[in-house]
Protein backbone atom coordinates (compact mmCIF):
# COMPACT_ATOMS: atom_id res chain seq x y z
CA MET A 1 161.93 101.04 12.08
CA SER A 2 162.62 104.55 13.45
CA ARG A 3 164.20 103.51 16.72
CA LEU A 4 166.29 100.63 17.93
CA VAL A 5 166.37 100.31 21.73
CA ILE A 6 167.12 96.95 23.35
CA ASN A 7 166.78 96.10 26.99
CA SER A 8 167.08 99.78 28.17
CA GLU A 9 165.43 101.34 31.19
CA ASN A 10 164.07 104.86 31.41
CA SER A 11 165.80 105.84 28.17
CA GLU A 12 162.86 106.64 25.88
CA TYR A 13 164.64 109.22 23.64
CA CYS A 14 167.62 107.16 22.84
CA ASN A 15 168.30 105.38 19.43
CA GLN A 16 170.59 102.41 18.55
CA ALA A 17 170.93 101.85 22.32
CA ARG A 18 171.32 98.65 24.27
CA ASP A 19 171.22 98.08 28.04
CA GLU A 20 171.10 101.79 28.78
CA LYS A 21 169.70 103.08 32.08
CA ASN A 22 168.37 106.61 32.76
CA CYS A 23 169.85 108.02 29.62
CA TYR A 24 168.46 110.90 27.51
CA LEU A 25 169.01 111.60 23.80
CA CYS A 26 171.93 109.21 23.41
CA VAL A 27 172.73 107.49 20.16
CA GLY A 28 174.73 104.36 19.70
CA GLY A 29 175.32 103.63 23.35
CA GLU A 30 175.53 100.45 25.37
CA ASN A 31 175.62 99.53 29.05
CA SER A 32 175.80 103.18 30.17
CA GLU A 33 173.98 104.96 33.06
CA ASN A 34 172.85 108.53 33.58
CA CYS A 35 174.15 109.96 30.33
CA MET A 36 172.73 112.80 28.25
CA TYR A 37 173.30 113.98 24.70
CA ASP A 38 176.02 111.41 24.01
CA THR A 39 177.09 109.54 20.85
CA HIS A 40 178.77 106.20 20.93
CA ASP A 41 179.27 105.82 24.67
CA SER A 42 179.91 102.38 26.08
CA GLN A 43 179.84 101.25 29.82
CA SER A 44 180.11 104.88 31.01
CA LYS A 45 178.36 106.77 33.82
CA TYR A 46 177.46 110.47 33.99
CA ALA A 47 178.74 111.44 30.61
CA PHE A 48 177.16 114.62 29.11
CA ASP A 49 177.37 116.09 25.71
CA SER A 50 180.30 113.81 24.63
CA TYR A 51 181.33 111.55 21.74
CA GLY A 52 183.12 108.21 22.08
CA VAL A 53 183.26 107.93 25.85
CA ILE A 54 184.36 104.36 26.75
CA VAL A 55 184.41 102.90 30.44
CA SER A 56 184.59 106.36 31.96
CA GLU A 57 182.78 108.42 34.63
CA ILE A 58 181.86 112.03 35.03
CA THR A 59 182.66 113.42 31.67
CA TYR A 60 181.40 116.71 30.24
CA GLN A 61 182.05 117.59 26.53
CA GLY A 62 184.66 114.98 25.94
CA ILE A 63 185.73 113.39 22.68
CA HIS A 64 187.32 109.92 22.68
CA ILE A 65 187.73 109.52 26.43
CA PHE A 66 188.82 106.04 27.47
CA TYR A 67 189.00 104.48 31.00
CA SER A 68 189.04 108.01 32.65
CA MET A 69 187.25 109.80 35.40
CA LYS A 70 186.35 113.47 35.95
CA SER A 71 187.24 114.89 32.55
CA PHE A 72 185.82 118.19 31.40
CA PHE A 73 186.30 119.87 27.94
CA SER A 74 188.93 117.27 26.91
CA MET A 75 189.83 115.23 23.88
CA TYR A 76 191.78 111.96 23.41
CA LEU A 77 192.32 110.95 26.99
CA LEU A 78 193.41 107.43 28.12
CA LYS A 79 193.36 106.31 31.82
CA CYS A 80 193.29 109.88 33.12
CA TYR A 81 191.81 111.33 36.28
CA ASN A 82 190.53 114.94 36.90
CA VAL A 83 191.60 116.50 33.62
CA ARG A 84 190.20 119.86 32.42
CA PHE A 85 190.87 121.31 29.00
CA GLY A 86 193.25 118.33 28.25
CA TYR A 87 194.34 117.08 24.79
CA ASP A 88 196.07 113.78 24.04
CA CYS A 89 196.97 112.79 27.56
CA THR A 90 197.70 109.21 28.80
CA ASN A 91 197.77 108.09 32.40
CA CYS A 92 197.60 111.68 33.81
CA LYS A 93 196.18 113.04 37.03
CA ASN A 94 195.09 116.52 37.98
CA VAL A 95 195.72 118.39 34.77
CA LEU A 96 194.51 121.83 33.78
CA PHE A 97 195.25 123.02 30.27
CA GLY A 98 197.61 120.27 29.32
CA SER A 99 198.40 118.51 26.03
CA GLY A 100 200.66 115.65 24.84
CA LEU A 101 201.31 114.46 28.39
CA VAL A 102 202.12 110.95 29.48
CA GLY A 103 202.14 109.93 33.29
CA ALA A 104 202.13 113.57 34.43
CA GLU A 105 200.53 114.72 37.63
CA TYR A 106 199.63 118.18 39.03
CA VAL A 107 200.06 119.96 35.71
CA PHE A 108 198.95 123.53 34.76
CA LYS A 109 199.59 124.63 31.20
CA ASN A 110 202.02 121.79 30.62
CA LYS A 111 204.13 122.62 33.65
CA VAL A 112 204.45 120.48 36.72
CA TYR A 113 203.65 122.23 40.06
CA PRO A 114 203.82 121.00 43.68
CA LYS A 115 200.44 119.67 44.91
CA GLU A 116 199.53 122.66 47.13
CA GLU A 117 200.42 125.25 44.53
CA ARG A 118 198.54 123.48 41.83
CA GLU A 119 195.48 123.07 44.05
CA ASN A 120 195.42 126.84 44.65
CA ILE A 121 195.63 127.39 40.94
CA PHE A 122 192.82 124.88 40.30
CA LYS A 123 190.55 126.63 42.85
CA THR A 124 191.12 129.96 41.19
CA TYR A 125 190.34 128.62 37.77
CA SER A 126 187.43 126.58 39.00
CA LYS A 127 185.79 129.78 40.21
CA LYS A 128 186.47 131.44 36.87
CA ILE A 129 185.19 128.52 34.70
CA LYS A 130 182.48 127.56 37.25
CA THR A 131 183.29 123.88 37.56
CA ILE A 132 183.52 121.66 40.56
CA SER A 133 186.93 121.36 42.10
């Protein structure tokens, strides 16, 4: 048997997949929607080019992302929101270039900023790295 796809919809190029919907070239996934080039994703939506994304949404190039939303180029996130270039963060929000953080919010390079100042920094870097702010 060259492919194992169970109960998936519009996911012809997936393997070892179960209950996938609108996925492309995903391996070892289950109950995910609108994902591409992922390995071992589960119950995720809009995950692209990632590995080990579990119950998360809007992830690009993530590794071991759990219960998070809007993470880009990050590794080892747990319950995070809007993290870019993050590493080993737990329960964090609005982080740009942060690592080893727990419960932090409005962080840029591991330093906490007021919301307005951090949003200006985010906008500047968003234009530079061409991501959605």
